[in-house]
Amino acid sequence: MSDVYIVGYDGTDASKRALDYARARARRSGANLHLLMVLEWSPYSFLTPQELEERHKRRSEEIARAEALIDPQVKALADEGLKASREVRYGHAAELFCEVAEAKKAAQIVIGRTGSTSLAQRILGGLAMSLVQAAPVPVTVVP
């Protein structure tokens, strides 16, 4: 059974670098790539029925936009002879990366460094810091 690399992809330059890195490693190792896009969403809000209906419509639109970003990448990987799959999920990014890594029995998680310089981000940590502390598998953060 081949290794699986979970690759964080959202169309940003950082995620493209992560995908390039994972692609090169997969070529050498024969690993499968699983692209994961997490759309941050909080279930903790109180909405009127009308707001709830609008929210569901927005979610459908967001998923369609996400799929339009990620599907061409999966196709390009397949065209190169690599095994690739994708997943678009709503929720807390670090939790979902850990959940998907466990479910897929991943060998590692690969994400791009965003280069945030905000003090709050450095003190509280972002996705990379959360994953490094909590992930069930090694995490590669691509600069």
C-alpha atoms as a PDB file:
ATOM      1  CA  MET A   1       0.000   0.000   0.000  1.00  0.00           C
ATOM      2  CA  SER A   2       1.344   3.423  -0.951  1.00  0.00           C
ATOM      3  CA  ASP A   3       1.860   6.244   1.474  1.00  0.00           C
ATOM      4  CA  VAL A   4      -0.623   9.095   1.418  1.00  0.00           C
ATOM      5  CA  TYR A   5       0.422  12.723   1.712  1.00  0.00           C
ATOM      6  CA  ILE A   6      -2.271  15.170   2.803  1.00  0.00           C
ATOM      7  CA  VAL A   7      -1.623  18.464   1.005  1.00  0.00           C
ATOM      8  CA  GLY A   8      -3.261  21.684   2.118  1.00  0.00           C
ATOM      9  CA  TYR A   9      -4.431  23.477  -1.013  1.00  0.00           C
ATOM     10  CA  ASP A  10      -6.428  26.682  -1.355  1.00  0.00           C
ATOM     11  CA  GLY A  11      -5.032  28.245  -4.520  1.00  0.00           C
ATOM     12  CA  THR A  12      -2.635  30.603  -2.725  1.00  0.00           C
ATOM     13  CA  ASP A  13       1.037  30.817  -3.629  1.00  0.00           C
ATOM     14  CA  ALA A  14       1.891  29.109  -0.333  1.00  0.00           C
ATOM     15  CA  SER A  15      -0.379  26.157  -1.127  1.00  0.00           C
ATOM     16  CA  LYS A  16       1.038  25.916  -4.654  1.00  0.00           C
ATOM     17  CA  ARG A  17       4.542  25.624  -3.177  1.00  0.00           C
ATOM     18  CA  ALA A  18       3.299  22.911  -0.819  1.00  0.00           C
ATOM     19  CA  LEU A  19       1.755  21.045  -3.738  1.00  0.00           C
ATOM     20  CA  ASP A  20       4.955  21.331  -5.798  1.00  0.00           C
ATOM     21  CA  TYR A  21       6.967  19.925  -2.895  1.00  0.00           C
ATOM     22  CA  ALA A  22       4.524  17.064  -2.305  1.00  0.00           C
ATOM     23  CA  ARG A  23       4.348  16.334  -6.034  1.00  0.00           C
ATOM     24  CA  ALA A  24       8.137  15.953  -6.240  1.00  0.00           C
ATOM     25  CA  ARG A  25       8.196  13.663  -3.201  1.00  0.00           C
ATOM     26  CA  ALA A  26       5.304  11.589  -4.548  1.00  0.00           C
ATOM     27  CA  ARG A  27       7.118  11.095  -7.851  1.00  0.00           C
ATOM     28  CA  ARG A  28      10.121   9.681  -5.996  1.00  0.00           C
ATOM     29  CA  SER A  29       8.223   7.638  -3.420  1.00  0.00           C
ATOM     30  CA  GLY A  30       5.087   6.567  -5.281  1.00  0.00           C
ATOM     31  CA  ALA A  31       2.868   8.151  -2.627  1.00  0.00           C
ATOM     32  CA  ASN A  32      -0.725   9.136  -3.283  1.00  0.00           C
ATOM     33  CA  LEU A  33      -1.621  12.802  -2.883  1.00  0.00           C
ATOM     34  CA  HIS A  34      -4.822  13.864  -1.146  1.00  0.00           C
ATOM     35  CA  LEU A  35      -5.508  17.574  -1.569  1.00  0.00           C
ATOM     36  CA  LEU A  36      -7.501  19.038   1.285  1.00  0.00           C
ATOM     37  CA  MET A  37      -9.168  22.438   1.220  1.00  0.00           C
ATOM     38  CA  VAL A  38     -10.738  23.570   4.463  1.00  0.00           C
ATOM     39  CA  LEU A  39     -13.286  26.348   4.407  1.00  0.00           C
ATOM     40  CA  GLU A  40     -13.307  27.887   7.864  1.00  0.00           C
ATOM     41  CA  TRP A  41     -16.784  27.861   9.328  1.00  0.00           C
ATOM     42  CA  SER A  42     -18.168  28.288  12.795  1.00  0.00           C
ATOM     43  CA  PRO A  43     -21.375  26.520  13.769  1.00  0.00           C
ATOM     44  CA  TYR A  44     -21.671  28.841  16.759  1.00  0.00           C
ATOM     45  CA  SER A  45     -23.864  31.598  15.427  1.00  0.00           C
ATOM     46  CA  PHE A  46     -27.505  32.324  15.873  1.00  0.00           C
ATOM     47  CA  LEU A  47     -29.355  32.861  12.628  1.00  0.00           C
ATOM     48  CA  THR A  48     -32.885  33.662  11.604  1.00  0.00           C
ATOM     49  CA  PRO A  49     -34.549  31.215   9.179  1.00  0.00           C
ATOM     50  CA  GLN A  50     -33.862  33.641   6.315  1.00  0.00           C
ATOM     51  CA  GLU A  51     -30.190  34.011   7.300  1.00  0.00           C
ATOM     52  CA  LEU A  52     -29.907  30.245   7.583  1.00  0.00           C
ATOM     53  CA  GLU A  53     -31.293  29.801   4.067  1.00  0.00           C
ATOM     54  CA  GLU A  54     -28.842  32.392   2.722  1.00  0.00           C
ATOM     55  CA  ARG A  55     -26.001  30.705   4.577  1.00  0.00           C
ATOM     56  CA  HIS A  56     -26.771  27.354   2.940  1.00  0.00           C
ATOM     57  CA  LYS A  57     -26.789  29.041  -0.466  1.00  0.00           C
ATOM     58  CA  ARG A  58     -23.444  30.722   0.279  1.00  0.00           C
ATOM     59  CA  ARG A  59     -21.990  27.393   1.412  1.00  0.00           C
ATOM     60  CA  SER A  60     -22.984  25.781  -1.882  1.00  0.00           C
ATOM     61  CA  GLU A  61     -21.396  28.655  -3.786  1.00  0.00           C
ATOM     62  CA  GLU A  62     -18.217  28.457  -1.672  1.00  0.00           C
ATOM     63  CA  ILE A  63     -17.934  24.726  -2.266  1.00  0.00           C
ATOM     64  CA  ALA A  64     -18.371  25.231  -6.018  1.00  0.00           C
ATOM     65  CA  ARG A  65     -15.602  27.878  -6.014  1.00  0.00           C
ATOM     66  CA  ALA A  66     -13.348  25.609  -3.968  1.00  0.00           C
ATOM     67  CA  GLU A  67     -13.918  22.689  -6.315  1.00  0.00           C
ATOM     68  CA  ALA A  68     -13.140  24.944  -9.287  1.00  0.00           C
ATOM     69  CA  LEU A  69      -9.750  25.670  -7.685  1.00  0.00           C
ATOM     70  CA  ILE A  70      -8.844  22.179  -6.580  1.00  0.00           C
ATOM     71  CA  ASP A  71     -10.232  19.936  -9.346  1.00  0.00           C
ATOM     72  CA  PRO A  72      -7.823  21.174 -12.068  1.00  0.00           C
ATOM     73  CA  GLN A  73      -4.909  20.414  -9.739  1.00  0.00           C
ATOM     74  CA  VAL A  74      -6.108  16.853  -9.190  1.00  0.00           C
ATOM     75  CA  LYS A  75      -6.543  16.400 -12.944  1.00  0.00           C
ATOM     76  CA  ALA A  76      -3.048  17.771 -13.625  1.00  0.00           C
ATOM     77  CA  LEU A  77      -1.567  15.354 -11.095  1.00  0.00           C
ATOM     78  CA  ALA A  78      -3.422  12.446 -12.697  1.00  0.00           C
ATOM     79  CA  ASP A  79      -2.217  13.573 -16.137  1.00  0.00           C
ATOM     80  CA  GLU A  80       1.342  13.350 -14.763  1.00  0.00           C
ATOM     81  CA  GLY A  81       0.692   9.765 -13.706  1.00  0.00           C
ATOM     82  CA  LEU A  82       0.308  10.496 -10.006  1.00  0.00           C
ATOM     83  CA  LYS A  83      -2.526   9.157  -7.898  1.00  0.00           C
ATOM     84  CA  ALA A  84      -4.466  12.069  -6.463  1.00  0.00           C
ATOM     85  CA  SER A  85      -7.754  12.727  -4.743  1.00  0.00           C
ATOM     86  CA  ARG A  86      -9.326  15.762  -3.156  1.00  0.00           C
ATOM     87  CA  GLU A  87     -11.627  16.806  -0.391  1.00  0.00           C
ATOM     88  CA  VAL A  88     -13.336  20.102   0.432  1.00  0.00           C
ATOM     89  CA  ARG A  89     -14.563  20.421   4.018  1.00  0.00           C
ATOM     90  CA  TYR A  90     -16.043  23.029   6.315  1.00  0.00           C
ATOM     91  CA  GLY A  91     -14.706  23.441   9.820  1.00  0.00           C
ATOM     92  CA  HIS A  92     -11.624  24.169  11.888  1.00  0.00           C
ATOM     93  CA  ALA A  93      -8.569  23.598   9.704  1.00  0.00           C
ATOM     94  CA  ALA A  94      -6.219  21.994  12.227  1.00  0.00           C
ATOM     95  CA  GLU A  95      -8.888  19.607  13.504  1.00  0.00           C
ATOM     96  CA  LEU A  96      -9.873  18.555   9.996  1.00  0.00           C
ATOM     97  CA  PHE A  97      -6.281  18.027   8.843  1.00  0.00           C
ATOM     98  CA  CYS A  98      -5.728  15.743  11.838  1.00  0.00           C
ATOM     99  CA  GLU A  99      -9.022  13.921  11.251  1.00  0.00           C
ATOM    100  CA  VAL A 100      -8.334  13.373   7.548  1.00  0.00           C
ATOM    101  CA  ALA A 101      -4.737  12.292   8.222  1.00  0.00           C
ATOM    102  CA  GLU A 102      -5.983   9.623  10.611  1.00  0.00           C
ATOM    103  CA  ALA A 103      -8.806   8.489   8.321  1.00  0.00           C
ATOM    104  CA  LYS A 104      -6.485   8.212   5.307  1.00  0.00           C
ATOM    105  CA  LYS A 105      -3.670   6.689   7.387  1.00  0.00           C
ATOM    106  CA  ALA A 106      -1.457   9.421   5.968  1.00  0.00           C
ATOM    107  CA  ALA A 107       2.323   9.352   6.151  1.00  0.00           C
ATOM    108  CA  GLN A 108       2.549  13.126   6.416  1.00  0.00           C
ATOM    109  CA  ILE A 109       0.802  16.463   6.048  1.00  0.00           C
ATOM    110  CA  VAL A 110       2.276  19.107   3.734  1.00  0.00           C
ATOM    111  CA  ILE A 111       1.236  22.756   3.990  1.00  0.00           C
ATOM    112  CA  GLY A 112       2.671  26.044   2.793  1.00  0.00           C
ATOM    113  CA  ARG A 113       3.978  28.704   5.129  1.00  0.00           C
ATOM    114  CA  THR A 114       1.927  31.855   4.788  1.00  0.00           C
ATOM    115  CA  GLY A 115       4.610  34.199   6.071  1.00  0.00           C
ATOM    116  CA  SER A 116       2.264  36.060   8.383  1.00  0.00           C
ATOM    117  CA  THR A 117       4.087  38.668  10.398  1.00  0.00           C
ATOM    118  CA  SER A 118       1.250  39.771  12.655  1.00  0.00           C
ATOM    119  CA  LEU A 119       2.054  39.645  16.339  1.00  0.00           C
ATOM    120  CA  ALA A 120      -1.198  37.852  17.174  1.00  0.00           C
ATOM    121  CA  GLN A 121      -0.487  35.184  14.577  1.00  0.00           C
ATOM    122  CA  ARG A 122       3.045  34.630  15.899  1.00  0.00           C
ATOM    123  CA  ILE A 123       1.932  34.490  19.531  1.00  0.00           C
ATOM    124  CA  LEU A 124      -1.232  32.438  19.125  1.00  0.00           C
ATOM    125  CA  GLY A 125      -0.033  30.422  16.176  1.00  0.00           C
ATOM    126  CA  GLY A 126      -1.750  29.584  12.946  1.00  0.00           C
ATOM    127  CA  LEU A 127      -2.446  26.353  11.147  1.00  0.00           C
ATOM    128  CA  ALA A 128       1.222  25.360  10.978  1.00  0.00           C
ATOM    129  CA  MET A 129       1.753  25.768  14.710  1.00  0.00           C
ATOM    130  CA  SER A 130      -1.469  23.942  15.545  1.00  0.00           C
ATOM    131  CA  LEU A 131      -0.597  21.035  13.264  1.00  0.00           C
ATOM    132  CA  VAL A 132       2.972  20.751  14.499  1.00  0.00           C
ATOM    133  CA  GLN A 133       1.612  20.424  18.027  1.00  0.00           C
ATOM    134  CA  ALA A 134      -1.399  18.183  17.371  1.00  0.00           C
ATOM    135  CA  ALA A 135      -1.013  16.220  14.130  1.00  0.00           C
ATOM    136  CA  PRO A 136      -0.862  12.434  14.366  1.00  0.00           C
ATOM    137  CA  VAL A 137       1.744  12.350  11.567  1.00  0.00           C
ATOM    138  CA  PRO A 138       4.805  14.423  10.608  1.00  0.00           C
ATOM    139  CA  VAL A 139       4.053  17.885   9.226  1.00  0.00           C
ATOM    140  CA  THR A 140       6.132  19.528   6.514  1.00  0.00           C
ATOM    141  CA  VAL A 141       5.791  23.306   6.293  1.00  0.00           C
ATOM    142  CA  VAL A 142       7.071  24.504   2.924  1.00  0.00           C
ATOM    143  CA  PRO A 143       8.539  28.034   2.912  1.00  0.00           C
END
